[in-house]
């Protein structure tokens, strides 16, 4: 199956499971955990990945489906970090 560019799609799980191209920005999660600020502002231009980043965070921090969601991050940069293993209970 040919990889596609997920234009107009912003659901992290959908993009990962379909095997489409994904620019790995998961280390943003590590930065957020390390920062510890009460409020973070992520200004970006229109169509610049804000919703996809929020979707990625949702799947990472979702405890209800943690076991299923953990697999979504396999092979991505955050999976190599100790914070990931601590958060995911590995």
N, C-alpha and C. Protein backbone atom coordinates (compact mmCIF):
# COMPACT_ATOMS: atom_id res chain seq x y z
N UNK A 1 0.83 -1.18 0.00
CA UNK A 1 0.00 0.00 0.00
C UNK A 1 0.88 1.25 0.00
N UNK A 2 0.51 2.19 -0.79
CA UNK A 2 1.27 3.42 -0.94
C UNK A 2 0.97 4.37 0.21
N UNK A 3 2.04 4.99 0.76
CA UNK A 3 1.85 5.99 1.81
C UNK A 3 1.26 7.25 1.20
N UNK A 4 0.37 7.88 1.98
CA UNK A 4 -0.24 9.13 1.53
C UNK A 4 0.12 10.25 2.49
N UNK A 5 -0.02 11.46 2.03
CA UNK A 5 0.12 12.64 2.89
C UNK A 5 -1.27 12.93 3.44
N UNK A 6 -1.44 12.94 4.75
CA UNK A 6 -2.78 13.06 5.34
C UNK A 6 -3.32 14.49 5.35
N UNK A 7 -3.51 15.07 4.19
CA UNK A 7 -4.02 16.43 4.07
C UNK A 7 -5.46 16.49 4.59
N UNK A 8 -5.71 17.43 5.48
CA UNK A 8 -7.06 17.61 6.01
C UNK A 8 -7.44 16.65 7.11
N UNK A 9 -6.54 15.77 7.51
CA UNK A 9 -6.83 14.82 8.59
C UNK A 9 -6.04 15.22 9.82
N UNK A 10 -6.66 15.16 10.98
CA UNK A 10 -5.99 15.62 12.18
C UNK A 10 -6.15 14.67 13.36
N UNK A 11 -6.53 13.42 13.09
CA UNK A 11 -6.64 12.43 14.16
C UNK A 11 -5.37 11.57 14.18
N UNK A 12 -4.61 11.68 15.25
CA UNK A 12 -3.33 10.97 15.39
C UNK A 12 -3.49 9.48 15.16
N UNK A 13 -4.45 8.87 15.80
CA UNK A 13 -4.65 7.42 15.69
C UNK A 13 -4.94 7.02 14.25
N UNK A 14 -5.79 7.76 13.58
CA UNK A 14 -6.15 7.47 12.20
C UNK A 14 -4.92 7.53 11.29
N UNK A 15 -4.12 8.54 11.47
CA UNK A 15 -2.92 8.70 10.63
C UNK A 15 -1.91 7.59 10.88
N UNK A 16 -1.67 7.26 12.15
CA UNK A 16 -0.70 6.21 12.49
C UNK A 16 -1.19 4.85 12.01
N UNK A 17 -2.44 4.53 12.27
CA UNK A 17 -2.96 3.21 11.89
C UNK A 17 -3.07 3.03 10.38
N UNK A 18 -3.26 4.11 9.65
CA UNK A 18 -3.35 4.00 8.19
C UNK A 18 -1.97 3.92 7.54
N UNK A 19 -0.91 4.20 8.33
CA UNK A 19 0.45 4.12 7.80
C UNK A 19 0.83 5.27 6.90
N UNK A 20 0.09 6.35 7.00
CA UNK A 20 0.41 7.52 6.18
C UNK A 20 1.61 8.25 6.75
N UNK A 21 2.12 9.20 5.98
CA UNK A 21 3.26 9.98 6.44
C UNK A 21 2.89 10.74 7.71
N UNK A 22 3.83 10.77 8.66
CA UNK A 22 3.64 11.51 9.91
C UNK A 22 4.98 12.10 10.31
N UNK A 23 5.01 13.41 10.50
CA UNK A 23 6.22 14.07 10.99
C UNK A 23 6.21 13.92 12.51
N UNK A 24 7.18 13.21 13.04
CA UNK A 24 7.22 12.88 14.47
C UNK A 24 7.52 14.12 15.32
N UNK A 25 6.47 14.61 15.98
CA UNK A 25 6.62 15.75 16.90
C UNK A 25 6.29 15.32 18.33
N UNK A 26 6.45 14.03 18.61
CA UNK A 26 6.05 13.52 19.93
C UNK A 26 6.95 13.99 21.06
N UNK A 27 8.13 14.49 20.76
CA UNK A 27 8.98 15.00 21.84
C UNK A 27 8.41 16.28 22.44
N UNK A 28 7.39 16.84 21.80
CA UNK A 28 6.64 17.95 22.39
C UNK A 28 6.06 17.51 23.74
N UNK A 29 5.67 16.26 23.85
CA UNK A 29 5.12 15.72 25.10
C UNK A 29 6.18 15.79 26.19
N UNK A 30 7.39 15.38 25.87
CA UNK A 30 8.48 15.43 26.84
C UNK A 30 8.72 16.86 27.31
N UNK A 31 8.73 17.79 26.36
CA UNK A 31 8.94 19.20 26.71
C UNK A 31 7.83 19.73 27.61
N UNK A 32 6.60 19.32 27.35
CA UNK A 32 5.48 19.77 28.18
C UNK A 32 5.59 19.22 29.60
N UNK A 33 5.97 17.97 29.73
CA UNK A 33 6.11 17.35 31.06
C UNK A 33 7.24 18.04 31.82
N UNK A 34 8.36 18.29 31.15
CA UNK A 34 9.51 18.93 31.80
C UNK A 34 9.23 20.38 32.16
N UNK A 35 8.46 21.07 31.35
CA UNK A 35 8.20 22.50 31.55
C UNK A 35 7.38 22.74 32.82
N UNK A 36 6.30 22.03 32.98
CA UNK A 36 5.48 22.14 34.18
C UNK A 36 4.68 23.43 34.31
N UNK A 37 4.58 24.23 33.27
CA UNK A 37 3.81 25.46 33.34
C UNK A 37 2.32 25.15 33.48
N UNK A 38 1.62 26.04 34.15
CA UNK A 38 0.18 25.88 34.32
C UNK A 38 -0.56 26.13 33.00
N UNK A 39 -0.02 27.03 32.20
CA UNK A 39 -0.64 27.38 30.93
C UNK A 39 0.44 27.40 29.85
N UNK A 40 0.12 26.80 28.71
CA UNK A 40 1.03 26.81 27.57
C UNK A 40 0.28 27.34 26.36
N UNK A 41 0.93 28.17 25.60
CA UNK A 41 0.34 28.75 24.40
C UNK A 41 1.13 28.25 23.20
N UNK A 42 0.42 27.73 22.21
CA UNK A 42 1.05 27.22 21.00
C UNK A 42 0.50 27.95 19.78
N UNK A 43 0.95 29.17 19.56
CA UNK A 43 0.45 29.89 18.39
C UNK A 43 1.05 29.32 17.11
N UNK A 44 0.20 29.02 16.18
CA UNK A 44 0.64 28.52 14.89
C UNK A 44 -0.29 29.10 13.83
N UNK A 45 0.19 29.15 12.63
CA UNK A 45 -0.63 29.59 11.51
C UNK A 45 -1.75 28.59 11.25
N UNK A 46 -2.71 29.03 10.52
CA UNK A 46 -3.82 28.17 10.13
C UNK A 46 -3.27 26.97 9.35
N UNK A 47 -3.83 25.77 9.61
CA UNK A 47 -3.45 24.53 8.93
C UNK A 47 -1.99 24.14 9.22
N UNK A 48 -1.54 24.40 10.45
CA UNK A 48 -0.15 24.16 10.79
C UNK A 48 0.00 23.09 11.88
N UNK A 49 -1.02 22.25 12.08
CA UNK A 49 -0.88 21.09 12.95
C UNK A 49 -1.33 21.23 14.39
N UNK A 50 -2.05 22.29 14.73
CA UNK A 50 -2.48 22.47 16.13
C UNK A 50 -3.42 21.34 16.57
N UNK A 51 -4.39 21.03 15.74
CA UNK A 51 -5.36 19.99 16.10
C UNK A 51 -4.71 18.62 16.15
N UNK A 52 -3.80 18.33 15.24
CA UNK A 52 -3.08 17.06 15.26
C UNK A 52 -2.23 16.94 16.53
N UNK A 53 -1.57 18.02 16.93
CA UNK A 53 -0.80 17.99 18.18
C UNK A 53 -1.70 17.72 19.39
N UNK A 54 -2.87 18.35 19.42
CA UNK A 54 -3.80 18.10 20.53
C UNK A 54 -4.31 16.66 20.51
N UNK A 55 -4.56 16.13 19.33
CA UNK A 55 -4.99 14.74 19.21
C UNK A 55 -3.90 13.79 19.71
N UNK A 56 -2.65 14.08 19.37
CA UNK A 56 -1.52 13.27 19.84
C UNK A 56 -1.47 13.28 21.37
N UNK A 57 -1.63 14.45 21.97
CA UNK A 57 -1.63 14.56 23.44
C UNK A 57 -2.79 13.78 24.04
N UNK A 58 -3.94 13.85 23.41
CA UNK A 58 -5.12 13.13 23.91
C UNK A 58 -4.85 11.63 23.98
N UNK A 59 -4.30 11.07 22.91
CA UNK A 59 -4.02 9.63 22.91
C UNK A 59 -2.90 9.26 23.87
N UNK A 60 -1.96 10.13 24.08
CA UNK A 60 -0.87 9.85 25.00
C UNK A 60 -1.35 9.83 26.46
N UNK A 61 -2.17 10.80 26.83
CA UNK A 61 -2.59 10.93 28.23
C UNK A 61 -3.90 10.21 28.56
N UNK A 62 -4.57 9.62 27.59
CA UNK A 62 -5.83 8.92 27.82
C UNK A 62 -5.59 7.65 28.64
N UNK A 63 -6.09 7.63 29.85
CA UNK A 63 -5.89 6.46 30.72
C UNK A 63 -6.90 5.35 30.45
N UNK A 64 -8.06 5.71 29.96
CA UNK A 64 -9.12 4.72 29.72
C UNK A 64 -8.68 3.65 28.71
N UNK A 65 -7.99 4.07 27.68
CA UNK A 65 -7.54 3.15 26.63
C UNK A 65 -6.02 3.08 26.55
N UNK A 66 -5.36 3.19 27.69
CA UNK A 66 -3.90 3.29 27.72
C UNK A 66 -3.20 2.13 27.03
N UNK A 67 -3.68 0.92 27.21
CA UNK A 67 -3.01 -0.23 26.61
C UNK A 67 -3.06 -0.18 25.08
N UNK A 68 -4.22 0.17 24.52
CA UNK A 68 -4.35 0.28 23.06
C UNK A 68 -3.56 1.46 22.53
N UNK A 69 -3.63 2.57 23.23
CA UNK A 69 -2.96 3.78 22.76
C UNK A 69 -1.44 3.68 22.82
N UNK A 70 -0.92 2.90 23.75
CA UNK A 70 0.53 2.75 23.89
C UNK A 70 1.15 2.30 22.58
N UNK A 71 0.48 1.40 21.88
CA UNK A 71 1.00 0.86 20.62
C UNK A 71 1.11 1.92 19.52
N UNK A 72 0.30 2.97 19.61
CA UNK A 72 0.34 4.02 18.60
C UNK A 72 1.69 4.73 18.58
N UNK A 73 2.38 4.74 19.72
CA UNK A 73 3.63 5.48 19.85
C UNK A 73 4.87 4.63 19.60
N UNK A 74 4.68 3.34 19.35
CA UNK A 74 5.82 2.46 19.06
C UNK A 74 6.57 2.98 17.84
N UNK A 75 7.87 3.09 17.95
CA UNK A 75 8.70 3.56 16.86
C UNK A 75 8.83 5.07 16.76
N UNK A 76 8.11 5.80 17.60
CA UNK A 76 8.20 7.26 17.59
C UNK A 76 9.19 7.70 18.67
N UNK A 77 9.63 8.94 18.57
CA UNK A 77 10.68 9.45 19.46
C UNK A 77 10.31 9.36 20.94
N UNK A 78 9.07 9.63 21.30
CA UNK A 78 8.68 9.64 22.72
C UNK A 78 8.79 8.24 23.33
N UNK A 79 8.67 7.20 22.53
CA UNK A 79 8.76 5.83 23.04
C UNK A 79 10.15 5.49 23.54
N UNK A 80 11.15 6.27 23.13
CA UNK A 80 12.53 6.04 23.58
C UNK A 80 12.84 6.76 24.88
N UNK A 81 11.93 7.59 25.35
CA UNK A 81 12.15 8.41 26.54
C UNK A 81 11.66 7.71 27.80
N UNK A 82 12.37 7.92 28.90
CA UNK A 82 11.99 7.28 30.16
C UNK A 82 10.64 7.78 30.65
N UNK A 83 10.28 9.03 30.37
CA UNK A 83 8.98 9.55 30.78
C UNK A 83 7.85 8.75 30.16
N UNK A 84 8.04 8.32 28.95
CA UNK A 84 7.03 7.51 28.25
C UNK A 84 6.80 6.21 29.00
N UNK A 85 7.89 5.55 29.34
CA UNK A 85 7.78 4.27 30.03
C UNK A 85 7.16 4.44 31.41
N UNK A 86 7.50 5.52 32.10
CA UNK A 86 6.90 5.77 33.42
C UNK A 86 5.42 6.07 33.29
N UNK A 87 5.06 6.92 32.33
CA UNK A 87 3.66 7.30 32.13
C UNK A 87 2.83 6.10 31.71
N UNK A 88 3.38 5.26 30.85
CA UNK A 88 2.64 4.13 30.31
C UNK A 88 2.69 2.91 31.23
N UNK A 89 3.42 3.01 32.31
CA UNK A 89 3.45 1.90 33.27
C UNK A 89 4.30 0.73 32.85
N UNK A 90 5.28 0.97 32.03
CA UNK A 90 6.17 -0.13 31.59
C UNK A 90 7.25 -0.35 32.60
